[in-house]
C-alpha atoms as a PDB file:
ATOM      1  CA  MET A   1     -19.641  43.163  -4.428  1.00  0.00           C
ATOM      2  CA  PRO A   2     -16.168  41.702  -5.053  1.00  0.00           C
ATOM      3  CA  ARG A   3     -15.623  40.145  -8.452  1.00  0.00           C
ATOM      4  CA  LEU A   4     -15.180  36.346  -8.500  1.00  0.00           C
ATOM      5  CA  PHE A   5     -12.364  34.910 -10.624  1.00  0.00           C
ATOM      6  CA  LYS A   6     -12.246  31.312 -11.820  1.00  0.00           C
ATOM      7  CA  GLN A   7      -9.247  29.446 -10.404  1.00  0.00           C
ATOM      8  CA  ALA A   8      -6.591  28.598 -13.006  1.00  0.00           C
ATOM      9  CA  ALA A   9      -6.768  25.051 -14.310  1.00  0.00           C
ATOM     10  CA  SER A  10      -3.959  22.700 -13.203  1.00  0.00           C
ATOM     11  CA  SER A  11      -2.653  19.629 -14.973  1.00  0.00           C
ATOM     12  CA  PRO A  12      -1.825  16.485 -12.956  1.00  0.00           C
ATOM     13  CA  GLN A  13       1.620  16.547 -11.357  1.00  0.00           C
ATOM     14  CA  ILE A  14       3.221  13.200 -10.440  1.00  0.00           C
ATOM     15  CA  ASP A  15       6.033  13.141  -7.876  1.00  0.00           C
ATOM     16  CA  GLY A  16       6.466   9.381  -7.652  1.00  0.00           C
ATOM     17  CA  ALA A  17       4.971   5.895  -7.640  1.00  0.00           C
ATOM     18  CA  PHE A  18       4.691   3.704  -4.529  1.00  0.00           C
ATOM     19  CA  PRO A  19       5.986   1.099  -4.890  1.00  0.00           C
ATOM     20  CA  THR A  20       8.054   1.721  -8.009  1.00  0.00           C
ATOM     21  CA  ALA A  21       7.752  -1.906  -9.226  1.00  0.00           C
ATOM     22  CA  ALA A  22       4.775  -4.163  -9.885  1.00  0.00           C
ATOM     23  CA  LEU A  23       3.494  -7.327 -11.462  1.00  0.00           C
ATOM     24  CA  PRO A  24       0.737  -6.962 -14.047  1.00  0.00           C
ATOM     25  CA  GLY A  25      -2.392  -6.727 -11.904  1.00  0.00           C
ATOM     26  CA  GLY A  26      -0.560  -5.089  -8.987  1.00  0.00           C
ATOM     27  CA  ASP A  27      -1.943  -1.988  -7.237  1.00  0.00           C
ATOM     28  CA  VAL A  28       0.219   1.144  -7.438  1.00  0.00           C
ATOM     29  CA  GLU A  29      -0.270   4.570  -5.875  1.00  0.00           C
ATOM     30  CA  LEU A  30       0.851   7.808  -7.517  1.00  0.00           C
ATOM     31  CA  ARG A  31       1.538  10.835  -5.318  1.00  0.00           C
ATOM     32  CA  GLY A  32       1.689  14.447  -6.378  1.00  0.00           C
ATOM     33  CA  ALA A  33      -0.839  17.218  -6.974  1.00  0.00           C
ATOM     34  CA  HIS A  34      -4.039  17.806  -8.953  1.00  0.00           C
ATOM     35  CA  LEU A  35      -4.599  14.051  -9.333  1.00  0.00           C
ATOM     36  CA  GLY A  36      -8.276  14.121  -8.456  1.00  0.00           C
ATOM     37  CA  ALA A  37     -11.265  14.799 -10.662  1.00  0.00           C
ATOM     38  CA  ARG A  38     -11.550  18.385 -11.892  1.00  0.00           C
ATOM     39  CA  THR A  39     -15.144  17.852 -12.968  1.00  0.00           C
ATOM     40  CA  LEU A  40     -17.687  15.115 -12.386  1.00  0.00           C
ATOM     41  CA  VAL A  41     -15.603  12.931 -14.705  1.00  0.00           C
ATOM     42  CA  PRO A  42     -12.817  11.014 -12.886  1.00  0.00           C
ATOM     43  CA  PRO A  43      -9.272  11.115 -14.247  1.00  0.00           C
ATOM     44  CA  SER A  44      -8.082   8.384 -16.600  1.00  0.00           C
ATOM     45  CA  VAL A  45      -4.871   6.392 -16.251  1.00  0.00           C
ATOM     46  CA  THR A  46      -2.998   4.498 -18.959  1.00  0.00           C
ATOM     47  CA  VAL A  47       0.134   2.382 -18.686  1.00  0.00           C
ATOM     48  CA  ASP A  48       2.016   1.988 -21.971  1.00  0.00           C
ATOM     49  CA  GLY A  49      -1.148   3.114 -23.703  1.00  0.00           C
ATOM     50  CA  VAL A  50      -3.341   0.476 -22.010  1.00  0.00           C
ATOM     51  CA  ARG A  51      -6.214   1.757 -19.892  1.00  0.00           C
ATOM     52  CA  ALA A  52      -5.774   0.986 -16.190  1.00  0.00           C
ATOM     53  CA  HIS A  53      -8.514   0.377 -13.655  1.00  0.00           C
ATOM     54  CA  LEU A  54      -8.769   3.380 -11.323  1.00  0.00           C
ATOM     55  CA  LEU A  55      -9.002   2.374  -7.655  1.00  0.00           C
ATOM     56  CA  MET A  56      -8.927   5.727  -5.872  1.00  0.00           C
ATOM     57  CA  SER A  57      -8.424   9.370  -6.780  1.00  0.00           C
ATOM     58  CA  ARG A  58      -7.985  12.515  -4.725  1.00  0.00           C
ATOM     59  CA  SER A  59      -5.953  15.650  -5.183  1.00  0.00           C
ATOM     60  CA  GLU A  60      -2.636  14.385  -3.786  1.00  0.00           C
ATOM     61  CA  SER A  61      -2.823  10.657  -4.550  1.00  0.00           C
ATOM     62  CA  LEU A  62      -4.246   8.261  -7.094  1.00  0.00           C
ATOM     63  CA  ALA A  63      -4.262   4.457  -7.076  1.00  0.00           C
ATOM     64  CA  PHE A  64      -4.651   2.161 -10.059  1.00  0.00           C
ATOM     65  CA  ARG A  65      -4.192  -1.474 -11.071  1.00  0.00           C
ATOM     66  CA  VAL A  66      -1.427  -2.223 -13.571  1.00  0.00           C
ATOM     67  CA  PRO A  67      -3.136  -3.659 -16.676  1.00  0.00           C
ATOM     68  CA  ASP A  68      -2.143  -6.893 -18.381  1.00  0.00           C
ATOM     69  CA  GLY A  69      -0.097  -6.096 -21.455  1.00  0.00           C
ATOM     70  CA  ALA A  70       1.819  -3.227 -19.877  1.00  0.00           C
ATOM     71  CA  ALA A  71       5.571  -3.720 -20.145  1.00  0.00           C
ATOM     72  CA  VAL A  72       7.634  -0.525 -20.271  1.00  0.00           C
ATOM     73  CA  GLY A  73       5.969   1.327 -17.396  1.00  0.00           C
ATOM     74  CA  HIS A  74       5.114   4.700 -18.956  1.00  0.00           C
ATOM     75  CA  VAL A  75       2.167   6.095 -16.961  1.00  0.00           C
ATOM     76  CA  GLU A  76      -0.141   8.898 -18.054  1.00  0.00           C
ATOM     77  CA  VAL A  77      -2.830  10.562 -15.957  1.00  0.00           C
ATOM     78  CA  ARG A  78      -5.376  12.773 -17.701  1.00  0.00           C
ATOM     79  CA  ASN A  79      -8.047  15.000 -16.291  1.00  0.00           C
ATOM     80  CA  GLY A  80     -10.035  17.857 -17.752  1.00  0.00           C
ATOM     81  CA  ASP A  81      -7.099  20.234 -17.395  1.00  0.00           C
ATOM     82  CA  GLY A  82      -4.296  18.264 -19.023  1.00  0.00           C
ATOM     83  CA  THR A  83      -1.933  15.307 -18.756  1.00  0.00           C
ATOM     84  CA  GLY A  84       0.725  14.241 -16.254  1.00  0.00           C
ATOM     85  CA  THR A  85       3.317  11.558 -16.997  1.00  0.00           C
ATOM     86  CA  PHE A  86       5.545   9.203 -15.002  1.00  0.00           C
ATOM     87  CA  SER A  87       8.119   6.949 -16.676  1.00  0.00           C
ATOM     88  CA  LEU A  88       9.792   5.038 -13.850  1.00  0.00           C
ATOM     89  CA  LEU A  89       7.294   2.268 -13.055  1.00  0.00           C
ATOM     90  CA  ASN A  90       9.167  -1.047 -13.224  1.00  0.00           C
ATOM     91  CA  ILE A  91       6.916  -3.856 -14.484  1.00  0.00           C
ATOM     92  CA  ALA A  92       7.939  -7.506 -14.071  1.00  0.00           C
ATOM     93  CA  ARG A  93       8.209  -9.677 -17.190  1.00  0.00           C
ATOM     94  CA  GLU A  94       6.569 -13.078 -17.445  1.00  0.00           C
ATOM     95  CA  LEU A  95       9.052 -15.850 -18.267  1.00  0.00           C
ATOM     96  CA  SER A  96       6.841 -18.938 -18.175  1.00  0.00           C
ATOM     97  CA  ASP A  97       3.242 -19.785 -17.316  1.00  0.00           C
ATOM     98  CA  GLY A  98       1.138 -22.924 -16.934  1.00  0.00           C
ATOM     99  CA  LEU A  99       3.135 -23.900 -13.846  1.00  0.00           C
ATOM    100  CA  HIS A 100       2.151 -24.487 -10.221  1.00  0.00           C
ATOM    101  CA  PRO A 101       4.820 -23.185  -7.835  1.00  0.00           C
ATOM    102  CA  VAL A 102       3.872 -23.198  -4.166  1.00  0.00           C
ATOM    103  CA  THR A 103       7.022 -21.517  -2.856  1.00  0.00           C
ATOM    104  CA  SER A 104      10.183 -19.805  -4.081  1.00  0.00           C
ATOM    105  CA  PRO A 105      12.007 -20.811  -7.250  1.00  0.00           C
ATOM    106  CA  ALA A 106      15.662 -21.850  -7.199  1.00  0.00           C
ATOM    107  CA  VAL A 107      18.308 -20.193  -9.371  1.00  0.00           C
ATOM    108  CA  SER A 108      21.612 -21.859 -10.278  1.00  0.00           C
ATOM    109  CA  ARG A 109      24.997 -20.157 -10.450  1.00  0.00           C
ATOM    110  CA  SER A 110      24.655 -19.989 -14.238  1.00  0.00           C
ATOM    111  CA  GLY A 111      21.273 -18.257 -14.001  1.00  0.00           C
ATOM    112  CA  ASN A 112      18.998 -21.213 -14.773  1.00  0.00           C
ATOM    113  CA  ILE A 113      15.663 -20.898 -12.965  1.00  0.00           C
ATOM    114  CA  TYR A 114      13.871 -23.949 -11.563  1.00  0.00           C
ATOM    115  CA  ALA A 115      10.179 -23.963 -10.666  1.00  0.00           C
ATOM    116  CA  THR A 116       7.685 -26.696  -9.857  1.00  0.00           C
ATOM    117  CA  ILE A 117       4.431 -27.940 -11.264  1.00  0.00           C
ATOM    118  CA  SER A 118       3.243 -29.082  -7.867  1.00  0.00           C
ATOM    119  CA  GLY A 119      -0.359 -30.099  -8.470  1.00  0.00           C
ATOM    120  CA  PRO A 120      -3.100 -30.893  -5.953  1.00  0.00           C
ATOM    121  CA  ARG A 121      -2.102 -33.099  -3.030  1.00  0.00           C
ATOM    122  CA  GLY A 122      -1.774 -36.737  -4.079  1.00  0.00           C
ATOM    123  CA  LYS A 123      -2.050 -36.014  -7.801  1.00  0.00           C
ATOM    124  CA  GLN A 124       0.896 -36.756 -10.087  1.00  0.00           C
ATOM    125  CA  THR A 125       1.684 -34.226 -12.804  1.00  0.00           C
ATOM    126  CA  PRO A 126       3.464 -35.192 -16.056  1.00  0.00           C
ATOM    127  CA  VAL A 127       6.317 -32.764 -15.300  1.00  0.00           C
ATOM    128  CA  SER A 128       7.563 -32.059 -11.781  1.00  0.00           C
ATOM    129  CA  ILE A 129      10.180 -29.335 -12.312  1.00  0.00           C
ATOM    130  CA  VAL A 130      10.690 -26.929 -15.210  1.00  0.00           C
ATOM    131  CA  ARG A 131      14.013 -25.290 -16.061  1.00  0.00           C
ATOM    132  CA  ILE A 132      14.056 -21.784 -17.557  1.00  0.00           C
ATOM    133  CA  GLY A 133      17.355 -20.784 -19.143  1.00  0.00           C
ATOM    134  CA  PRO A 134      18.912 -17.313 -19.417  1.00  0.00           C
ATOM    135  CA  ASP A 135      17.331 -17.222 -22.892  1.00  0.00           C
ATOM    136  CA  ARG A 136      13.930 -17.237 -21.091  1.00  0.00           C
ATOM    137  CA  VAL A 137      12.924 -20.551 -22.644  1.00  0.00           C
ATOM    138  CA  GLY A 138      11.328 -23.104 -20.303  1.00  0.00           C
ATOM    139  CA  THR A 139      11.787 -26.862 -20.744  1.00  0.00           C
ATOM    140  CA  PRO A 140      10.707 -29.909 -18.704  1.00  0.00           C
ATOM    141  CA  PHE A 141      13.539 -31.012 -16.415  1.00  0.00           C
ATOM    142  CA  VAL A 142      12.285 -33.532 -13.814  1.00  0.00           C
ATOM    143  CA  SER A 143       9.322 -35.902 -13.771  1.00  0.00           C
ATOM    144  CA  GLY A 144       7.999 -38.557 -11.412  1.00  0.00           C
ATOM    145  CA  ILE A 145       7.993 -36.611  -8.123  1.00  0.00           C
ATOM    146  CA  LEU A 146       4.648 -36.398  -6.366  1.00  0.00           C
ATOM    147  CA  ASN A 147       3.758 -32.847  -5.248  1.00  0.00           C
ATOM    148  CA  PRO A 148       7.227 -31.277  -5.554  1.00  0.00           C
ATOM    149  CA  THR A 149       7.395 -28.309  -3.209  1.00  0.00           C
ATOM    150  CA  GLY A 150      10.580 -26.776  -1.765  1.00  0.00           C
ATOM    151  CA  LEU A 151      13.676 -26.260  -3.947  1.00  0.00           C
ATOM    152  CA  ALA A 152      17.250 -25.588  -2.823  1.00  0.00           C
ATOM    153  CA  PHE A 153      20.822 -25.809  -4.112  1.00  0.00           C
ATOM    154  CA  ASP A 154      23.636 -27.239  -1.982  1.00  0.00           C
ATOM    155  CA  PRO A 155      27.145 -25.684  -1.827  1.00  0.00           C
ATOM    156  CA  GLU A 156      28.306 -27.938  -4.690  1.00  0.00           C
ATOM    157  CA  GLY A 157      25.480 -26.787  -6.972  1.00  0.00           C
ATOM    158  CA  ALA A 158      23.233 -29.865  -6.792  1.00  0.00           C
ATOM    159  CA  LEU A 159      19.478 -29.278  -6.741  1.00  0.00           C
ATOM    160  CA  TYR A 160      17.195 -30.775  -4.066  1.00  0.00           C
ATOM    161  CA  VAL A 161      13.408 -30.855  -3.907  1.00  0.00           C
ATOM    162  CA  THR A 162      10.919 -31.897  -1.234  1.00  0.00           C
ATOM    163  CA  SER A 163       7.776 -33.933  -1.816  1.00  0.00           C
ATOM    164  CA  ARG A 164       5.076 -32.827   0.585  1.00  0.00           C
ATOM    165  CA  ALA A 165       2.956 -35.884  -0.245  1.00  0.00           C
ATOM    166  CA  GLU A 166       5.706 -38.444   0.385  1.00  0.00           C
ATOM    167  CA  GLY A 167       7.733 -36.644   3.071  1.00  0.00           C
ATOM    168  CA  THR A 168      10.833 -37.318   0.971  1.00  0.00           C
ATOM    169  CA  VAL A 169      13.735 -35.121  -0.121  1.00  0.00           C
ATOM    170  CA  TYR A 170      15.138 -35.881  -3.589  1.00  0.00           C
ATOM    171  CA  ARG A 171      18.521 -34.996  -5.027  1.00  0.00           C
ATOM    172  CA  ILE A 172      18.447 -34.066  -8.719  1.00  0.00           C
ATOM    173  CA  ASP A 173      21.463 -34.714 -10.951  1.00  0.00           C
ATOM    174  CA  ALA A 174      22.507 -32.624 -13.949  1.00  0.00           C
ATOM    175  CA  GLY A 175      20.369 -34.756 -16.263  1.00  0.00           C
ATOM    176  CA  GLY A 176      17.194 -34.294 -14.217  1.00  0.00           C
ATOM    177  CA  VAL A 177      17.237 -37.754 -12.605  1.00  0.00           C
ATOM    178  CA  ALA A 178      15.916 -37.827  -9.028  1.00  0.00           C
ATOM    179  CA  THR A 179      17.231 -40.075  -6.254  1.00  0.00           C
ATOM    180  CA  SER A 180      15.947 -40.251  -2.689  1.00  0.00           C
ATOM    181  CA  TYR A 181      18.125 -38.319  -0.226  1.00  0.00           C
ATOM    182  CA  ALA A 182      16.073 -38.388   3.000  1.00  0.00           C
ATOM    183  CA  GLU A 183      12.700 -39.821   4.011  1.00  0.00           C
ATOM    184  CA  GLY A 184      10.267 -39.421   6.881  1.00  0.00           C
ATOM    185  CA  MET A 185      10.079 -35.609   6.699  1.00  0.00           C
ATOM    186  CA  GLY A 186       6.318 -35.417   7.357  1.00  0.00           C
ATOM    187  CA  VAL A 187       4.585 -32.884   5.104  1.00  0.00           C
ATOM    188  CA  ALA A 188       7.900 -31.656   3.714  1.00  0.00           C
ATOM    189  CA  THR A 189       7.590 -28.125   2.362  1.00  0.00           C
ATOM    190  CA  GLY A 190      10.408 -25.529   2.566  1.00  0.00           C
ATOM    191  CA  ALA A 191      14.093 -26.343   2.043  1.00  0.00           C
ATOM    192  CA  ALA A 192      17.335 -24.371   2.471  1.00  0.00           C
ATOM    193  CA  PHE A 193      21.074 -25.108   2.790  1.00  0.00           C
ATOM    194  CA  ASP A 194      23.573 -23.313   4.971  1.00  0.00           C
ATOM    195  CA  ALA A 195      27.214 -22.689   4.091  1.00  0.00           C
ATOM    196  CA  ASP A 196      28.289 -25.922   5.830  1.00  0.00           C
ATOM    197  CA  GLY A 197      26.075 -28.085   3.644  1.00  0.00           C
ATOM    198  CA  ASN A 198      23.388 -28.716   6.245  1.00  0.00           C
ATOM    199  CA  LEU A 199      19.929 -29.016   4.713  1.00  0.00           C
ATOM    200  CA  PHE A 200      16.943 -27.670   6.632  1.00  0.00           C
ATOM    201  CA  VAL A 201      13.493 -29.002   5.799  1.00  0.00           C
ATOM    202  CA  GLY A 202      10.207 -27.718   7.170  1.00  0.00           C
ATOM    203  CA  ASP A 203       7.466 -30.193   8.039  1.00  0.00           C
ATOM    204  CA  ARG A 204       4.397 -27.985   8.210  1.00  0.00           C
ATOM    205  CA  ASN A 205       3.056 -30.128  11.070  1.00  0.00           C
ATOM    206  CA  GLY A 206       5.463 -28.262  13.339  1.00  0.00           C
ATOM    207  CA  THR A 207       9.021 -29.573  12.881  1.00  0.00           C
ATOM    208  CA  ILE A 208      12.150 -28.098  11.317  1.00  0.00           C
ATOM    209  CA  PHE A 209      14.576 -30.901  10.429  1.00  0.00           C
ATOM    210  CA  LYS A 210      18.333 -30.505  10.019  1.00  0.00           C
ATOM    211  CA  ILE A 211      20.044 -33.000   7.735  1.00  0.00           C
ATOM    212  CA  SER A 212      23.799 -33.108   8.208  1.00  0.00           C
ATOM    213  CA  PRO A 213      25.896 -34.199   5.200  1.00  0.00           C
ATOM    214  CA  GLY A 214      28.099 -36.445   7.353  1.00  0.00           C
ATOM    215  CA  ASP A 215      31.831 -37.026   6.941  1.00  0.00           C
ATOM    216  CA  SER A 216      31.632 -38.588   3.490  1.00  0.00           C
ATOM    217  CA  GLY A 217      28.767 -36.484   2.186  1.00  0.00           C
ATOM    218  CA  THR A 218      26.519 -39.550   1.956  1.00  0.00           C
ATOM    219  CA  ASP A 219      26.109 -40.804   5.550  1.00  0.00           C
ATOM    220  CA  HIS A 220      23.920 -37.844   6.467  1.00  0.00           C
ATOM    221  CA  LYS A 221      22.184 -37.648   9.806  1.00  0.00           C
ATOM    222  CA  ILE A 222      18.732 -36.213  10.554  1.00  0.00           C
ATOM    223  CA  PHE A 223      17.963 -34.116  13.634  1.00  0.00           C
ATOM    224  CA  VAL A 224      14.913 -32.283  14.942  1.00  0.00           C
ATOM    225  CA  TYR A 225      16.346 -28.761  14.838  1.00  0.00           C
ATOM    226  CA  ALA A 226      13.367 -26.749  16.134  1.00  0.00           C
ATOM    227  CA  THR A 227       9.618 -26.871  16.588  1.00  0.00           C
ATOM    228  CA  LEU A 228       7.025 -24.261  15.612  1.00  0.00           C
ATOM    229  CA  GLU A 229       3.280 -23.933  15.547  1.00  0.00           C
ATOM    230  CA  PRO A 230       1.866 -25.966  12.630  1.00  0.00           C
ATOM    231  CA  SER A 231       1.023 -24.110   9.433  1.00  0.00           C
ATOM    232  CA  PRO A 232      -2.098 -24.942   7.410  1.00  0.00           C
ATOM    233  CA  ALA A 233      -0.117 -24.180   4.245  1.00  0.00           C
ATOM    234  CA  ALA A 234       3.684 -24.566   4.380  1.00  0.00           C
ATOM    235  CA  TYR A 235       6.968 -23.507   5.912  1.00  0.00           C
ATOM    236  CA  HIS A 236       9.294 -21.376   3.776  1.00  0.00           C
ATOM    237  CA  LEU A 237      12.979 -21.217   4.704  1.00  0.00           C
ATOM    238  CA  ALA A 238      16.045 -19.025   4.083  1.00  0.00           C
ATOM    239  CA  VAL A 239      19.464 -18.901   5.744  1.00  0.00           C
ATOM    240  CA  GLY A 240      21.275 -15.686   6.725  1.00  0.00           C
ATOM    241  CA  ALA A 241      24.971 -14.870   6.553  1.00  0.00           C
ATOM    242  CA  ASP A 242      25.483 -15.764  10.230  1.00  0.00           C
ATOM    243  CA  GLY A 243      23.718 -19.112   9.875  1.00  0.00           C
ATOM    244  CA  THR A 244      20.388 -17.944  11.287  1.00  0.00           C
ATOM    245  CA  LEU A 245      17.478 -19.819   9.732  1.00  0.00           C
ATOM    246  CA  TYR A 246      14.467 -17.643   8.893  1.00  0.00           C
ATOM    247  CA  VAL A 247      11.060 -19.278   8.588  1.00  0.00           C
ATOM    248  CA  SER A 248       7.728 -17.965   7.407  1.00  0.00           C
ATOM    249  CA  ALA A 249       4.638 -19.981   8.281  1.00  0.00           C
ATOM    250  CA  PRO A 250       1.476 -18.606   6.678  1.00  0.00           C
ATOM    251  CA  ALA A 251      -1.621 -19.070   8.801  1.00  0.00           C
ATOM    252  CA  LEU A 252      -5.045 -17.443   8.778  1.00  0.00           C
ATOM    253  CA  SER A 253      -3.970 -14.267  10.581  1.00  0.00           C
ATOM    254  CA  SER A 254      -3.085 -10.818   9.267  1.00  0.00           C
ATOM    255  CA  ASN A 255      -0.401 -10.632  11.956  1.00  0.00           C
ATOM    256  CA  ASP A 256       1.829 -13.563  10.995  1.00  0.00           C
ATOM    257  CA  THR A 257       5.470 -13.870  12.000  1.00  0.00           C
ATOM    258  CA  ILE A 258       8.860 -14.489  10.456  1.00  0.00           C
ATOM    259  CA  TRP A 259      10.778 -16.680  12.888  1.00  0.00           C
ATOM    260  CA  ALA A 260      14.536 -16.663  13.450  1.00  0.00           C
ATOM    261  CA  ILE A 261      16.216 -19.877  14.591  1.00  0.00           C
ATOM    262  CA  ASP A 262      19.836 -19.575  15.729  1.00  0.00           C
ATOM    263  CA  ARG A 263      22.581 -22.172  15.330  1.00  0.00           C
ATOM    264  CA  ASP A 264      21.563 -23.786  18.634  1.00  0.00           C
ATOM    265  CA  GLY A 265      17.945 -24.219  17.525  1.00  0.00           C
ATOM    266  CA  ALA A 266      16.575 -21.431  19.729  1.00  0.00           C
ATOM    267  CA  THR A 267      13.534 -19.798  18.161  1.00  0.00           C
ATOM    268  CA  ALA A 268      12.460 -16.147  18.380  1.00  0.00           C
ATOM    269  CA  ALA A 269       9.989 -13.928  16.570  1.00  0.00           C
ATOM    270  CA  TRP A 270      12.065 -11.789  14.179  1.00  0.00           C
ATOM    271  CA  TYR A 271       9.246  -9.756  12.602  1.00  0.00           C
ATOM    272  CA  ARG A 272       5.530  -9.772  13.277  1.00  0.00           C
ATOM    273  CA  GLY A 273       2.772  -8.093  11.272  1.00  0.00           C
ATOM    274  CA  LEU A 274       2.498  -9.809   7.882  1.00  0.00           C
ATOM    275  CA  GLY A 275      -0.504 -11.313   6.151  1.00  0.00           C
ATOM    276  CA  ARG A 276       0.130 -14.811   4.820  1.00  0.00           C
ATOM    277  CA  PRO A 277       3.935 -14.589   4.398  1.00  0.00           C
ATOM    278  CA  GLN A 278       5.293 -17.178   1.987  1.00  0.00           C
ATOM    279  CA  GLY A 279       8.589 -17.575   0.109  1.00  0.00           C
ATOM    280  CA  LEU A 280      11.497 -15.443   1.330  1.00  0.00           C
ATOM    281  CA  ALA A 281      15.092 -14.623   0.410  1.00  0.00           C
ATOM    282  CA  LEU A 282      17.897 -12.433   1.770  1.00  0.00           C
ATOM    283  CA  ASP A 283      19.872  -9.802  -0.105  1.00  0.00           C
ATOM    284  CA  SER A 284      23.539  -8.912   0.330  1.00  0.00           C
ATOM    285  CA  HIS A 285      22.694  -6.283   2.987  1.00  0.00           C
ATOM    286  CA  GLY A 286      20.742  -8.667   5.197  1.00  0.00           C
ATOM    287  CA  ASN A 287      17.300  -7.429   4.157  1.00  0.00           C
ATOM    288  CA  ILE A 288      14.615 -10.088   3.935  1.00  0.00           C
ATOM    289  CA  PHE A 289      12.307 -10.049   0.928  1.00  0.00           C
ATOM    290  CA  VAL A 290       9.093 -12.009   1.427  1.00  0.00           C
ATOM    291  CA  ALA A 291       5.925 -12.577  -0.588  1.00  0.00           C
ATOM    292  CA  ALA A 292       3.298 -11.269   1.816  1.00  0.00           C
ATOM    293  CA  CYS A 293       0.663  -8.683   2.622  1.00  0.00           C
ATOM    294  CA  LEU A 294       1.752  -5.556   4.529  1.00  0.00           C
ATOM    295  CA  HIS A 295      -0.854  -3.107   5.853  1.00  0.00           C
ATOM    296  CA  GLY A 296      -3.393  -4.406   3.361  1.00  0.00           C
ATOM    297  CA  GLN A 297      -1.022  -4.178   0.371  1.00  0.00           C
ATOM    298  CA  ARG A 298      -0.068  -7.417  -1.352  1.00  0.00           C
ATOM    299  CA  GLY A 299       3.271  -8.016  -3.047  1.00  0.00           C
ATOM    300  CA  LEU A 300       6.955  -8.358  -2.259  1.00  0.00           C
ATOM    301  CA  VAL A 301       7.827  -6.893   1.145  1.00  0.00           C
ATOM    302  CA  ARG A 302      11.340  -5.768   2.083  1.00  0.00           C
ATOM    303  CA  ILE A 303      12.153  -5.985   5.805  1.00  0.00           C
ATOM    304  CA  MET A 304      15.375  -4.343   6.959  1.00  0.00           C
ATOM    305  CA  PRO A 305      17.477  -5.599   9.896  1.00  0.00           C
ATOM    306  CA  SER A 306      16.244  -2.534  11.809  1.00  0.00           C
ATOM    307  CA  GLY A 307      12.691  -3.890  11.576  1.00  0.00           C
ATOM    308  CA  HIS A 308      11.419  -1.323   9.071  1.00  0.00           C
ATOM    309  CA  ALA A 309       9.190  -2.930   6.430  1.00  0.00           C
ATOM    310  CA  GLU A 310       7.983  -1.555   3.097  1.00  0.00           C
ATOM    311  CA  LEU A 311       6.410  -2.804  -0.098  1.00  0.00           C
ATOM    312  CA  ALA A 312       9.109  -3.257  -2.761  1.00  0.00           C
ATOM    313  CA  LEU A 313       6.823  -4.569  -5.507  1.00  0.00           C
ATOM    314  CA  ALA A 314       3.046  -4.678  -5.863  1.00  0.00           C
ATOM    315  CA  GLY A 315       1.381  -7.870  -7.020  1.00  0.00           C
ATOM    316  CA  TYR A 316      -1.192 -10.512  -6.206  1.00  0.00           C
ATOM    317  CA  ASP A 317      -0.777 -14.289  -5.942  1.00  0.00           C
ATOM    318  CA  LEU A 318       2.961 -14.120  -5.188  1.00  0.00           C
ATOM    319  CA  VAL A 319       4.293 -17.264  -3.522  1.00  0.00           C
ATOM    320  CA  GLY A 320       8.060 -16.917  -3.767  1.00  0.00           C
ATOM    321  CA  VAL A 321      11.210 -14.946  -4.535  1.00  0.00           C
ATOM    322  CA  ALA A 322      14.842 -15.675  -5.404  1.00  0.00           C
ATOM    323  CA  PHE A 323      17.784 -13.573  -6.571  1.00  0.00           C
ATOM    324  CA  SER A 324      19.574 -14.443  -9.782  1.00  0.00           C
ATOM    325  CA  PRO A 325      23.339 -14.068 -10.264  1.00  0.00           C
ATOM    326  CA  LEU A 326      22.388 -12.297 -13.497  1.00  0.00           C
ATOM    327  CA  GLY A 327      21.180  -9.379 -11.363  1.00  0.00           C
ATOM    328  CA  THR A 328      17.416  -9.823 -11.516  1.00  0.00           C
ATOM    329  CA  THR A 329      14.824 -10.753  -8.906  1.00  0.00           C
ATOM    330  CA  VAL A 330      12.853 -13.885  -9.828  1.00  0.00           C
ATOM    331  CA  LEU A 331       9.259 -14.150  -8.633  1.00  0.00           C
ATOM    332  CA  THR A 332       6.756 -16.987  -8.653  1.00  0.00           C
ATOM    333  CA  THR A 333       2.981 -16.738  -8.558  1.00  0.00           C
ATOM    334  CA  HIS A 334       0.502 -19.606  -8.374  1.00  0.00           C
ATOM    335  CA  ASP A 335       0.959 -20.296 -12.086  1.00  0.00           C
ATOM    336  CA  ALA A 336       3.889 -18.364 -13.532  1.00  0.00           C
ATOM    337  CA  VAL A 337       7.484 -17.161 -13.181  1.00  0.00           C
ATOM    338  CA  TYR A 338       8.519 -13.522 -13.611  1.00  0.00           C
ATOM    339  CA  ASP A 339      11.701 -11.530 -13.370  1.00  0.00           C
ATOM    340  CA  VAL A 340      12.308  -7.860 -12.657  1.00  0.00           C
ATOM    341  CA  ASP A 341      15.357  -5.690 -12.075  1.00  0.00           C
ATOM    342  CA  LEU A 342      14.990  -4.194  -8.599  1.00  0.00           C
ATOM    343  CA  GLY A 343      18.668  -3.312  -8.315  1.00  0.00           C
ATOM    344  CA  VAL A 344      19.051  -5.915  -5.560  1.00  0.00           C
ATOM    345  CA  HIS A 345      21.886  -8.434  -5.189  1.00  0.00           C
ATOM    346  CA  GLY A 346      21.171 -11.660  -3.372  1.00  0.00           C
ATOM    347  CA  LEU A 347      23.135 -12.989  -0.409  1.00  0.00           C
ATOM    348  CA  LYS A 348      25.883 -15.450  -1.433  1.00  0.00           C
ATOM    349  CA  LEU A 349      26.359 -18.108   1.213  1.00  0.00           C
ATOM    350  CA  PHE A 350      28.619 -20.347  -0.904  1.00  0.00           C
END
């Protein structure tokens, strides 16, 4: 009878994390070898010394949820045979909480971040917009706007915000004082400027408005630019380098679309296959980053001009994204603002 030898024990080997960035609470997959249980006891995972919830484990892959309190991103996997480590997980940092953004933040040329405390429909909140400085300190900036929603800067650096309850667009001066800029915008949600100073506003009932600045900058004119299927939530807008307007319109499907509207108002499906896509922004290479679900994975999705899509950051409850001139990516959830260095530079239209 041949003699049986016990197979040599093998420690976990980690080749990489997918994606390589996450919010606290995001789901990350490690790939490598010997990541499954060696005995009846499953492997354990810690991030910066904090125990992580194990979601799945097999020999070549392991999934876990990033624990609250993790910051540096040092991952350890232990099984009965040893320990494997991974030190390149990029975890987003919380800048401010207690907010209520419902779409993307806006970032000024100096790196100030603006986010809303939107509140339930028809309910006034004491503070409408919060400003977070480069020192990561948040302060009240604007009050008195009912259900502030979409934020956008014009080419001169002035901030605008939509009120979905009033259907009004407000212009905000440097002191945080709001004045009415345009009315009658329906359920006004997303907002974005192009390089010519035209403001696009999405009425989630099905209309994209274009507000021209006019010859003097004050006698602006309002046009119906395009029509889409209504969204039960909101429209989120971003403008590309060639003037194309990109629109996400979250519905109840797992196969939602990002729409592209050209300078003549013609609408086409640009990418289809997202679950509840929300705030979006473009980088300097023309990639679109959108808060959405892709193939069952929730987070920040990067979609290349070629149509290839991948998860760039894992995280739940994301509603928006913007790129800071300071080099970071700014993210909003339902109640907080984060930043993370993804090595991405945002598109500069003006």
